[in-house]
Amino acid sequence: MGYKVAEVASRKRHAVTLVSGPTKLKPPRVKKFISIETADDLLRVLKKEIKKADCLVMCAAVGDFRVASAARRKIKRKESLLLKLVPTKDILKELAKHKRDKLFVGFSLETEDLVKNSRKKLRPKKLDLIVANRLTNRHNPFGNNRLGVSIIDARGNSIYISNESKSYIAQVLLDKIQELWYLRKEG
């Protein structure tokens, strides 16, 4: 989804910086492409890049937890293995300190209470919009498939898009971002 948003934004002549973790996807043509490996890399890069940005669209599916410590050698087969997980930093919450007059757009992946749980994230992360994705056996937003999403603004208004391509969803999202941007500039 992030690649589709970057592609559509570039076609609309926005100066796009795309920060991407490992993927087999070919990056779209953008002004600047930055490859990262970890959630910590992503936070470090975004803290630097946000200074030059008008809008942050955070499509990343960053895990909520990471392994507490990585093994330095191969772990040999055993009867069982216990992994200790620790929370990753909430990247959008961390970046909210740098928001100022920028637009912030987040994505939410939920397995229950999609809209309710997504709306809860708007204020603490200082989001102007959130795109709510459902994850179920029949609906998986990962991969090249059609999606149903809700785009929710900071006032709680929402638009539901049903069974559409990621390109279409990116177009609707960017139209909404532009609308918010121009409303903000006028008001």
N, C-alpha and C. Protein backbone atom coordinates (compact mmCIF):
# COMPACT_ATOMS: atom_id res chain seq x y z
N MET A 1 0.83 -1.19 0.00
CA MET A 1 0.00 0.00 0.00
C MET A 1 0.87 1.25 0.00
N GLY A 2 1.96 1.20 0.75
CA GLY A 2 2.86 2.35 0.78
C GLY A 2 3.44 2.66 -0.58
N TYR A 3 3.77 1.62 -1.33
CA TYR A 3 4.31 1.83 -2.66
C TYR A 3 3.26 2.44 -3.59
N LYS A 4 2.00 2.01 -3.44
CA LYS A 4 0.92 2.58 -4.26
C LYS A 4 0.69 4.04 -3.90
N VAL A 5 0.70 4.37 -2.62
CA VAL A 5 0.53 5.76 -2.20
C VAL A 5 1.67 6.61 -2.76
N ALA A 6 2.90 6.12 -2.67
CA ALA A 6 4.05 6.85 -3.19
C ALA A 6 3.94 7.04 -4.71
N GLU A 7 3.52 5.99 -5.39
CA GLU A 7 3.38 6.05 -6.86
C GLU A 7 2.33 7.09 -7.27
N VAL A 8 1.16 7.04 -6.64
CA VAL A 8 0.10 7.98 -6.98
C VAL A 8 0.51 9.41 -6.61
N ALA A 9 1.14 9.59 -5.46
CA ALA A 9 1.59 10.93 -5.04
C ALA A 9 2.62 11.48 -6.02
N SER A 10 3.51 10.64 -6.50
CA SER A 10 4.51 11.08 -7.49
C SER A 10 3.84 11.48 -8.80
N ARG A 11 2.84 10.70 -9.22
CA ARG A 11 2.11 11.05 -10.44
C ARG A 11 1.40 12.40 -10.30
N LYS A 12 1.01 12.74 -9.07
CA LYS A 12 0.36 14.02 -8.80
C LYS A 12 1.41 15.13 -8.61
N ARG A 13 2.66 14.79 -8.87
CA ARG A 13 3.79 15.72 -8.82
C ARG A 13 4.17 16.19 -7.41
N HIS A 14 3.89 15.35 -6.42
CA HIS A 14 4.38 15.62 -5.07
C HIS A 14 5.81 15.11 -4.97
N ALA A 15 6.63 15.81 -4.21
CA ALA A 15 8.02 15.39 -3.99
C ALA A 15 8.01 14.32 -2.89
N VAL A 16 8.10 13.07 -3.29
CA VAL A 16 7.92 11.95 -2.37
C VAL A 16 9.26 11.39 -1.92
N THR A 17 9.39 11.21 -0.60
CA THR A 17 10.48 10.43 -0.03
C THR A 17 9.84 9.13 0.46
N LEU A 18 10.28 8.02 -0.10
CA LEU A 18 9.75 6.71 0.27
C LEU A 18 10.78 6.00 1.14
N VAL A 19 10.37 5.66 2.35
CA VAL A 19 11.22 4.90 3.27
C VAL A 19 10.64 3.50 3.32
N SER A 20 11.45 2.50 2.99
CA SER A 20 10.94 1.15 2.84
C SER A 20 11.82 0.11 3.51
N GLY A 21 11.17 -0.82 4.16
CA GLY A 21 11.85 -2.00 4.67
C GLY A 21 12.05 -3.00 3.55
N PRO A 22 12.63 -4.14 3.86
CA PRO A 22 12.89 -5.16 2.83
C PRO A 22 11.61 -5.64 2.17
N THR A 23 11.63 -5.71 0.85
CA THR A 23 10.50 -6.20 0.07
C THR A 23 10.99 -6.63 -1.29
N LYS A 24 10.22 -7.45 -1.98
CA LYS A 24 10.56 -7.85 -3.34
C LYS A 24 9.94 -6.90 -4.36
N LEU A 25 9.15 -5.94 -3.88
CA LEU A 25 8.52 -4.98 -4.78
C LEU A 25 9.56 -4.03 -5.37
N LYS A 26 9.33 -3.63 -6.61
CA LYS A 26 10.18 -2.63 -7.23
C LYS A 26 9.66 -1.25 -6.81
N PRO A 27 10.52 -0.40 -6.24
CA PRO A 27 10.04 0.91 -5.79
C PRO A 27 9.57 1.76 -6.96
N PRO A 28 8.51 2.55 -6.73
CA PRO A 28 8.07 3.47 -7.78
C PRO A 28 9.07 4.61 -7.92
N ARG A 29 8.95 5.35 -9.00
CA ARG A 29 9.82 6.52 -9.18
C ARG A 29 9.39 7.60 -8.20
N VAL A 30 10.31 7.97 -7.33
CA VAL A 30 10.06 9.00 -6.33
C VAL A 30 11.27 9.93 -6.27
N LYS A 31 11.12 11.05 -5.59
CA LYS A 31 12.24 11.99 -5.47
C LYS A 31 13.40 11.35 -4.70
N LYS A 32 13.07 10.64 -3.61
CA LYS A 32 14.11 10.06 -2.77
C LYS A 32 13.62 8.72 -2.23
N PHE A 33 14.49 7.71 -2.30
CA PHE A 33 14.17 6.39 -1.78
C PHE A 33 15.20 6.03 -0.72
N ILE A 34 14.73 5.61 0.46
CA ILE A 34 15.62 5.23 1.56
C ILE A 34 15.24 3.81 2.00
N SER A 35 16.21 2.92 1.97
CA SER A 35 16.00 1.53 2.38
C SER A 35 16.42 1.37 3.84
N ILE A 36 15.56 0.71 4.62
CA ILE A 36 15.86 0.46 6.03
C ILE A 36 15.63 -1.01 6.34
N GLU A 37 16.08 -1.44 7.51
CA GLU A 37 15.92 -2.85 7.91
C GLU A 37 14.99 -3.03 9.11
N THR A 38 15.09 -2.16 10.10
CA THR A 38 14.38 -2.38 11.37
C THR A 38 13.45 -1.22 11.70
N ALA A 39 12.60 -1.45 12.71
CA ALA A 39 11.72 -0.38 13.20
C ALA A 39 12.54 0.76 13.77
N ASP A 40 13.66 0.45 14.44
CA ASP A 40 14.53 1.50 14.97
C ASP A 40 15.13 2.32 13.84
N ASP A 41 15.52 1.67 12.73
CA ASP A 41 16.02 2.39 11.55
C ASP A 41 14.94 3.34 11.02
N LEU A 42 13.71 2.83 10.95
CA LEU A 42 12.61 3.62 10.43
C LEU A 42 12.40 4.88 11.27
N LEU A 43 12.38 4.73 12.57
CA LEU A 43 12.20 5.89 13.46
C LEU A 43 13.34 6.89 13.29
N ARG A 44 14.56 6.40 13.25
CA ARG A 44 15.72 7.28 13.11
C ARG A 44 15.65 8.08 11.80
N VAL A 45 15.35 7.41 10.70
CA VAL A 45 15.26 8.07 9.39
C VAL A 45 14.11 9.06 9.36
N LEU A 46 12.96 8.66 9.89
CA LEU A 46 11.80 9.55 9.84
C LEU A 46 11.98 10.79 10.71
N LYS A 47 12.67 10.67 11.83
CA LYS A 47 12.95 11.85 12.66
C LYS A 47 13.76 12.88 11.87
N LYS A 48 14.63 12.40 11.02
CA LYS A 48 15.45 13.30 10.20
C LYS A 48 14.63 13.85 9.02
N GLU A 49 13.91 12.97 8.33
CA GLU A 49 13.20 13.37 7.11
C GLU A 49 11.95 14.20 7.37
N ILE A 50 11.33 14.04 8.54
CA ILE A 50 10.07 14.75 8.83
C ILE A 50 10.28 16.26 8.86
N LYS A 51 11.48 16.69 9.13
CA LYS A 51 11.78 18.13 9.19
C LYS A 51 11.51 18.81 7.84
N LYS A 52 11.69 18.06 6.75
CA LYS A 52 11.55 18.62 5.40
C LYS A 52 10.19 18.33 4.78
N ALA A 53 9.32 17.62 5.51
CA ALA A 53 8.06 17.13 4.92
C ALA A 53 6.87 18.01 5.30
N ASP A 54 5.86 17.99 4.43
CA ASP A 54 4.57 18.63 4.71
C ASP A 54 3.58 17.59 5.23
N CYS A 55 3.78 16.34 4.83
CA CYS A 55 2.83 15.28 5.16
C CYS A 55 3.58 13.97 5.37
N LEU A 56 3.16 13.22 6.37
CA LEU A 56 3.69 11.89 6.63
C LEU A 56 2.55 10.90 6.43
N VAL A 57 2.77 9.93 5.55
CA VAL A 57 1.81 8.84 5.36
C VAL A 57 2.52 7.58 5.84
N MET A 58 2.04 7.04 6.94
CA MET A 58 2.71 5.93 7.60
C MET A 58 1.95 4.63 7.33
N CYS A 59 2.30 3.97 6.23
CA CYS A 59 1.64 2.72 5.84
C CYS A 59 2.30 1.50 6.44
N ALA A 60 3.44 1.67 7.06
CA ALA A 60 4.25 0.54 7.50
C ALA A 60 3.52 -0.38 8.46
N ALA A 61 3.71 -1.65 8.27
CA ALA A 61 3.16 -2.66 9.17
C ALA A 61 4.26 -3.05 10.15
N VAL A 62 4.60 -2.11 11.01
CA VAL A 62 5.66 -2.34 11.99
C VAL A 62 5.12 -3.22 13.10
N GLY A 63 5.84 -4.26 13.42
CA GLY A 63 5.40 -5.16 14.49
C GLY A 63 5.35 -4.44 15.83
N ASP A 64 4.42 -4.84 16.68
CA ASP A 64 4.29 -4.23 18.00
C ASP A 64 5.35 -4.74 18.97
N PHE A 65 5.98 -5.87 18.63
CA PHE A 65 7.00 -6.46 19.50
C PHE A 65 8.20 -6.90 18.67
N ARG A 66 9.33 -7.00 19.35
CA ARG A 66 10.56 -7.52 18.74
C ARG A 66 11.23 -8.44 19.75
N VAL A 67 12.15 -9.25 19.28
CA VAL A 67 12.90 -10.15 20.17
C VAL A 67 13.78 -9.29 21.07
N ALA A 68 13.80 -9.62 22.36
CA ALA A 68 14.56 -8.84 23.34
C ALA A 68 16.05 -8.81 23.00
N SER A 69 16.60 -9.94 22.60
CA SER A 69 18.00 -9.97 22.18
C SER A 69 18.17 -11.02 21.09
N ALA A 70 18.90 -10.66 20.08
CA ALA A 70 19.12 -11.57 18.96
C ALA A 70 20.29 -12.50 19.26
N ALA A 71 20.15 -13.74 18.85
CA ALA A 71 21.23 -14.72 19.03
C ALA A 71 22.39 -14.37 18.11
N ARG A 72 23.59 -14.54 18.60
CA ARG A 72 24.78 -14.24 17.80
C ARG A 72 25.18 -15.44 16.93
N ARG A 73 24.68 -16.62 17.30
CA ARG A 73 24.98 -17.84 16.56
C ARG A 73 23.68 -18.59 16.29
N LYS A 74 23.79 -19.60 15.46
CA LYS A 74 22.63 -20.44 15.19
C LYS A 74 22.16 -21.08 16.49
N ILE A 75 20.87 -21.09 16.67
CA ILE A 75 20.28 -21.77 17.83
C ILE A 75 20.01 -23.22 17.42
N LYS A 76 20.63 -24.13 18.10
CA LYS A 76 20.48 -25.56 17.78
C LYS A 76 19.08 -26.05 18.16
N ARG A 77 18.63 -27.06 17.45
CA ARG A 77 17.30 -27.64 17.67
C ARG A 77 17.21 -28.16 19.11
N LYS A 78 16.07 -27.85 19.74
CA LYS A 78 15.80 -28.29 21.11
C LYS A 78 14.35 -28.76 21.19
N GLU A 79 13.98 -29.30 22.33
CA GLU A 79 12.59 -29.69 22.57
C GLU A 79 11.68 -28.47 22.48
N SER A 80 12.11 -27.38 23.08
CA SER A 80 11.32 -26.15 23.06
C SER A 80 12.26 -24.96 23.19
N LEU A 81 11.72 -23.82 22.90
CA LEU A 81 12.50 -22.59 22.95
C LEU A 81 11.56 -21.48 23.42
N LEU A 82 12.02 -20.69 24.34
CA LEU A 82 11.22 -19.59 24.85
C LEU A 82 11.86 -18.29 24.38
N LEU A 83 11.08 -17.49 23.67
CA LEU A 83 11.57 -16.19 23.21
C LEU A 83 10.99 -15.10 24.08
N LYS A 84 11.82 -14.15 24.45
CA LYS A 84 11.34 -13.00 25.21
C LYS A 84 11.13 -11.86 24.21
N LEU A 85 9.92 -11.30 24.21
CA LEU A 85 9.59 -10.19 23.33
C LEU A 85 9.45 -8.91 24.13
N VAL A 86 9.85 -7.81 23.53
CA VAL A 86 9.68 -6.49 24.14
C VAL A 86 8.95 -5.59 23.14
N PRO A 87 8.21 -4.60 23.63
CA PRO A 87 7.48 -3.73 22.71
C PRO A 87 8.44 -2.89 21.85
N THR A 88 8.06 -2.69 20.60
CA THR A 88 8.79 -1.74 19.76
C THR A 88 8.28 -0.35 20.10
N LYS A 89 9.04 0.66 19.74
CA LYS A 89 8.59 2.03 19.96
C LYS A 89 7.41 2.31 19.04
N ASP A 90 6.47 3.09 19.53
CA ASP A 90 5.33 3.51 18.72
C ASP A 90 5.81 4.67 17.86
N ILE A 91 6.12 4.40 16.61
CA ILE A 91 6.76 5.37 15.74
C ILE A 91 5.91 6.62 15.55
N LEU A 92 4.63 6.46 15.30
CA LEU A 92 3.79 7.64 15.11
C LEU A 92 3.68 8.47 16.39
N LYS A 93 3.61 7.83 17.53
CA LYS A 93 3.57 8.57 18.80
C LYS A 93 4.87 9.35 19.00
N GLU A 94 5.98 8.73 18.66
CA GLU A 94 7.29 9.41 18.77
C GLU A 94 7.36 10.60 17.82
N LEU A 95 6.86 10.43 16.60
CA LEU A 95 6.93 11.50 15.61
C LEU A 95 5.93 12.62 15.88
N ALA A 96 4.89 12.34 16.68
CA ALA A 96 3.88 13.35 17.00
C ALA A 96 4.53 14.59 17.64
N LYS A 97 5.66 14.40 18.30
CA LYS A 97 6.39 15.53 18.90
C LYS A 97 6.90 16.51 17.84
N HIS A 98 7.04 16.05 16.61
CA HIS A 98 7.60 16.86 15.52
C HIS A 98 6.53 17.31 14.53
N LYS A 99 5.28 17.15 14.88
CA LYS A 99 4.20 17.36 13.91
C LYS A 99 4.07 18.81 13.44
N ARG A 100 3.95 19.72 14.34
CA ARG A 100 3.71 21.15 14.04
C ARG A 100 2.55 21.30 13.05
N ASP A 101 2.79 21.87 11.87
CA ASP A 101 1.71 22.12 10.90
C ASP A 101 1.65 21.06 9.80
N LYS A 102 2.24 19.93 10.04
CA LYS A 102 2.26 18.85 9.04
C LYS A 102 0.97 18.02 9.13
N LEU A 103 0.65 17.36 8.05
CA LEU A 103 -0.45 16.40 8.06
C LEU A 103 0.12 15.02 8.37
N PHE A 104 -0.54 14.31 9.27
CA PHE A 104 -0.12 12.95 9.62
C PHE A 104 -1.24 11.98 9.26
N VAL A 105 -0.87 10.93 8.53
CA VAL A 105 -1.81 9.89 8.13
C VAL A 105 -1.25 8.56 8.61
N GLY A 106 -2.06 7.81 9.33
CA GLY A 106 -1.65 6.51 9.81
C GLY A 106 -2.50 5.41 9.21
N PHE A 107 -2.04 4.19 9.35
CA PHE A 107 -2.79 3.01 8.95
C PHE A 107 -2.97 2.15 10.19
N SER A 108 -4.10 1.49 10.26
CA SER A 108 -4.42 0.66 11.40
C SER A 108 -4.81 -0.73 10.90
N LEU A 109 -4.24 -1.74 11.49
CA LEU A 109 -4.59 -3.12 11.16
C LEU A 109 -5.25 -3.72 12.40
N GLU A 110 -6.50 -4.11 12.26
CA GLU A 110 -7.27 -4.59 13.40
C GLU A 110 -7.92 -5.93 13.08
N THR A 111 -8.06 -6.75 14.11
CA THR A 111 -8.75 -8.03 13.96
C THR A 111 -10.15 -7.97 14.57
N GLU A 112 -10.44 -6.92 15.33
CA GLU A 112 -11.78 -6.74 15.91
C GLU A 112 -12.04 -5.25 16.15
N ASP A 113 -13.31 -4.89 16.19
CA ASP A 113 -13.72 -3.50 16.42
C ASP A 113 -12.91 -2.52 15.58
N LEU A 114 -12.91 -2.76 14.28
CA LEU A 114 -12.07 -2.01 13.33
C LEU A 114 -12.16 -0.50 13.51
N VAL A 115 -13.32 0.07 13.34
CA VAL A 115 -13.45 1.53 13.36
C VAL A 115 -13.22 2.07 14.77
N LYS A 116 -13.79 1.43 15.77
CA LYS A 116 -13.63 1.87 17.16
C LYS A 116 -12.15 1.90 17.57
N ASN A 117 -11.43 0.81 17.32
CA ASN A 117 -10.02 0.74 17.70
C ASN A 117 -9.16 1.70 16.88
N SER A 118 -9.53 1.90 15.62
CA SER A 118 -8.77 2.83 14.79
C SER A 118 -8.99 4.27 15.24
N ARG A 119 -10.23 4.62 15.57
CA ARG A 119 -10.52 5.99 16.04
C ARG A 119 -9.75 6.32 17.31
N LYS A 120 -9.53 5.32 18.17
CA LYS A 120 -8.79 5.54 19.42
C LYS A 120 -7.36 5.99 19.16
N LYS A 121 -6.84 5.72 17.99
CA LYS A 121 -5.44 6.04 17.69
C LYS A 121 -5.26 7.47 17.16
N LEU A 122 -6.35 8.10 16.74
CA LEU A 122 -6.24 9.42 16.12
C LEU A 122 -5.60 10.46 17.05
N ARG A 123 -6.14 10.65 18.22
CA ARG A 123 -5.67 11.71 19.12
C ARG A 123 -4.26 11.48 19.68
N PRO A 124 -3.97 10.32 20.28
CA PRO A 124 -2.63 10.16 20.88
C PRO A 124 -1.48 10.22 19.85
N LYS A 125 -1.79 9.89 18.61
CA LYS A 125 -0.75 9.91 17.58
C LYS A 125 -0.82 11.20 16.74
N LYS A 126 -1.74 12.09 17.11
CA LYS A 126 -1.94 13.38 16.43
C LYS A 126 -2.19 13.19 14.93
N LEU A 127 -3.03 12.22 14.60
CA LEU A 127 -3.31 11.91 13.20
C LEU A 127 -4.43 12.79 12.67
N ASP A 128 -4.29 13.18 11.41
CA ASP A 128 -5.35 13.88 10.70
C ASP A 128 -6.28 12.89 10.03
N LEU A 129 -5.72 11.76 9.63
CA LEU A 129 -6.48 10.68 8.99
C LEU A 129 -5.89 9.35 9.44
N ILE A 130 -6.77 8.34 9.46
CA ILE A 130 -6.28 6.98 9.66
C ILE A 130 -7.04 6.07 8.69
N VAL A 131 -6.30 5.15 8.09
CA VAL A 131 -6.90 4.17 7.18
C VAL A 131 -6.99 2.86 7.95
N ALA A 132 -8.22 2.42 8.17
CA ALA A 132 -8.48 1.24 8.98
C ALA A 132 -8.61 0.01 8.08
N ASN A 133 -7.74 -0.96 8.31
CA ASN A 133 -7.72 -2.24 7.58
C ASN A 133 -8.14 -3.36 8.52
N ARG A 134 -8.93 -4.27 8.01
CA ARG A 134 -9.33 -5.44 8.78
C ARG A 134 -8.44 -6.62 8.37
N LEU A 135 -8.04 -7.41 9.35
CA LEU A 135 -7.29 -8.63 9.09
C LEU A 135 -8.13 -9.82 9.57
N THR A 136 -8.58 -10.61 8.61
CA THR A 136 -9.33 -11.83 8.91
C THR A 136 -8.87 -12.90 7.93
N ASN A 137 -9.42 -14.09 8.06
CA ASN A 137 -9.08 -15.16 7.11
C ASN A 137 -9.48 -14.79 5.69
N ARG A 138 -10.57 -14.03 5.52
CA ARG A 138 -11.06 -13.66 4.20
C ARG A 138 -10.55 -12.30 3.73
N HIS A 139 -10.00 -11.51 4.61
CA HIS A 139 -9.57 -10.15 4.25
C HIS A 139 -8.16 -9.92 4.76
N ASN A 140 -7.20 -9.93 3.85
CA ASN A 140 -5.81 -9.74 4.21
C ASN A 140 -5.24 -8.59 3.39
N PRO A 141 -4.85 -7.48 4.02
CA PRO A 141 -4.37 -6.33 3.27
C PRO A 141 -2.95 -6.49 2.70
N PHE A 142 -2.29 -7.57 3.04
CA PHE A 142 -0.94 -7.80 2.52
C PHE A 142 -1.02 -8.49 1.17
N GLY A 143 -0.16 -8.08 0.26
CA GLY A 143 -0.16 -8.68 -1.06
C GLY A 143 -0.89 -7.81 -2.06
N ASN A 144 -1.04 -8.34 -3.25
CA ASN A 144 -1.64 -7.59 -4.35
C ASN A 144 -3.11 -8.00 -4.49
N ASN A 145 -3.94 -7.49 -3.60
CA ASN A 145 -5.33 -7.88 -3.62
C ASN A 145 -6.25 -6.67 -3.45
N ARG A 146 -7.53 -6.91 -3.58
CA ARG A 146 -8.52 -5.85 -3.42
C ARG A 146 -8.86 -5.73 -1.94
N LEU A 147 -9.14 -4.51 -1.51
CA LEU A 147 -9.36 -4.26 -0.09
C LEU A 147 -10.64 -3.51 0.16
N GLY A 148 -11.09 -3.60 1.39
CA GLY A 148 -12.12 -2.74 1.92
C GLY A 148 -11.50 -2.01 3.10
N VAL A 149 -11.52 -0.70 3.09
CA VAL A 149 -10.93 0.09 4.18
C VAL A 149 -11.88 1.20 4.57
N SER A 150 -11.69 1.71 5.78
CA SER A 150 -12.37 2.92 6.21
C SER A 150 -11.30 4.00 6.38
N ILE A 151 -11.54 5.16 5.79
CA ILE A 151 -10.66 6.32 5.97
C ILE A 151 -11.39 7.24 6.95
N ILE A 152 -10.78 7.45 8.11
CA ILE A 152 -11.41 8.19 9.20
C ILE A 152 -10.61 9.45 9.46
N ASP A 153 -11.29 10.61 9.56
CA ASP A 153 -10.58 11.85 9.84
C ASP A 153 -10.60 12.16 11.34
N ALA A 154 -9.87 13.20 11.74
CA ALA A 154 -9.71 13.55 13.15
C ALA A 154 -11.02 13.92 13.83
N ARG A 155 -12.02 14.31 13.06
CA ARG A 155 -13.34 14.62 13.63
C ARG A 155 -14.22 13.39 13.75
N GLY A 156 -13.72 12.25 13.29
CA GLY A 156 -14.48 11.00 13.39
C GLY A 156 -15.29 10.66 12.17
N ASN A 157 -15.30 11.53 11.16
CA ASN A 157 -16.01 11.24 9.91
C ASN A 157 -15.28 10.12 9.18
N SER A 158 -16.04 9.26 8.51
CA SER A 158 -15.37 8.17 7.80
C SER A 158 -15.96 7.94 6.43
N ILE A 159 -15.10 7.42 5.56
CA ILE A 159 -15.48 7.01 4.21
C ILE A 159 -15.15 5.51 4.16
N TYR A 160 -16.10 4.70 3.70
CA TYR A 160 -15.82 3.28 3.54
C TYR A 160 -15.61 2.99 2.06
N ILE A 161 -14.52 2.32 1.75
CA ILE A 161 -14.22 1.90 0.38
C ILE A 161 -14.27 0.37 0.38
N SER A 162 -15.10 -0.18 -0.49
CA SER A 162 -15.32 -1.63 -0.49
C SER A 162 -14.72 -2.29 -1.72
N ASN A 163 -13.91 -3.32 -1.49
CA ASN A 163 -13.42 -4.20 -2.55
C ASN A 163 -12.81 -3.45 -3.73
N GLU A 164 -11.83 -2.61 -3.44
CA GLU A 164 -11.16 -1.83 -4.48
C GLU A 164 -9.67 -2.13 -4.51
N SER A 165 -9.02 -1.73 -5.59
CA SER A 165 -7.58 -1.93 -5.73
C SER A 165 -6.83 -0.96 -4.82
N LYS A 166 -5.59 -1.30 -4.54
CA LYS A 166 -4.75 -0.41 -3.73
C LYS A 166 -4.51 0.91 -4.45
N SER A 167 -4.43 0.88 -5.78
CA SER A 167 -4.27 2.13 -6.54
C SER A 167 -5.47 3.05 -6.34
N TYR A 168 -6.65 2.49 -6.39
CA TYR A 168 -7.86 3.28 -6.20
C TYR A 168 -7.89 3.86 -4.78
N ILE A 169 -7.60 3.04 -3.79
CA ILE A 169 -7.59 3.49 -2.40
C ILE A 169 -6.55 4.60 -2.22
N ALA A 170 -5.37 4.43 -2.82
CA ALA A 170 -4.33 5.47 -2.73
C ALA A 170 -4.82 6.78 -3.34
N GLN A 171 -5.52 6.70 -4.46
CA GLN A 171 -6.06 7.90 -5.12
C GLN A 171 -7.06 8.62 -4.21
N VAL A 172 -7.99 7.88 -3.63
CA VAL A 172 -8.99 8.47 -2.72
C VAL A 172 -8.29 9.08 -1.51
N LEU A 173 -7.32 8.36 -0.96
CA LEU A 173 -6.58 8.85 0.21
C LEU A 173 -5.85 10.15 -0.12
N LEU A 174 -5.17 10.19 -1.25
CA LEU A 174 -4.43 11.40 -1.62
C LEU A 174 -5.37 12.57 -1.91
N ASP A 175 -6.52 12.30 -2.49
CA ASP A 175 -7.52 13.36 -2.69
C ASP A 175 -7.95 13.93 -1.34
N LYS A 176 -8.15 13.05 -0.36
CA LYS A 176 -8.55 13.49 0.99
C LYS A 176 -7.43 14.28 1.66
N ILE A 177 -6.19 13.84 1.49
CA ILE A 177 -5.05 14.57 2.06
C ILE A 177 -4.96 15.97 1.45
N GLN A 178 -5.08 16.04 0.13
CA GLN A 178 -5.03 17.35 -0.54
C GLN A 178 -6.17 18.25 -0.07
N GLU A 179 -7.35 17.70 0.08
CA GLU A 179 -8.50 18.48 0.56
C GLU A 179 -8.20 19.05 1.95
N LEU A 180 -7.70 18.21 2.85
CA LEU A 180 -7.35 18.68 4.20
C LEU A 180 -6.26 19.75 4.16
N TRP A 181 -5.28 19.54 3.30
CA TRP A 181 -4.16 20.48 3.19
C TRP A 181 -4.67 21.87 2.77
N TYR A 182 -5.51 21.90 1.74
CA TYR A 182 -5.99 23.19 1.24
C TYR A 182 -6.98 23.83 2.20
N LEU A 183 -7.79 23.04 2.89
CA LEU A 183 -8.69 23.58 3.91
C LEU A 183 -7.89 24.21 5.05
N ARG A 184 -6.81 23.56 5.43
CA ARG A 184 -5.95 24.06 6.49
C ARG A 184 -5.29 25.39 6.08
N LYS A 185 -4.83 25.45 4.84
CA LYS A 185 -4.16 26.66 4.34
C LYS A 185 -5.13 27.83 4.23
N GLU A 186 -6.40 27.53 3.88
CA GLU A 186 -7.40 28.59 3.74
C GLU A 186 -7.90 29.08 5.09
N GLY A 187 -7.96 28.15 6.06
CA GLY A 187 -8.57 28.48 7.34
C GLY A 187 -7.57 28.86 8.35
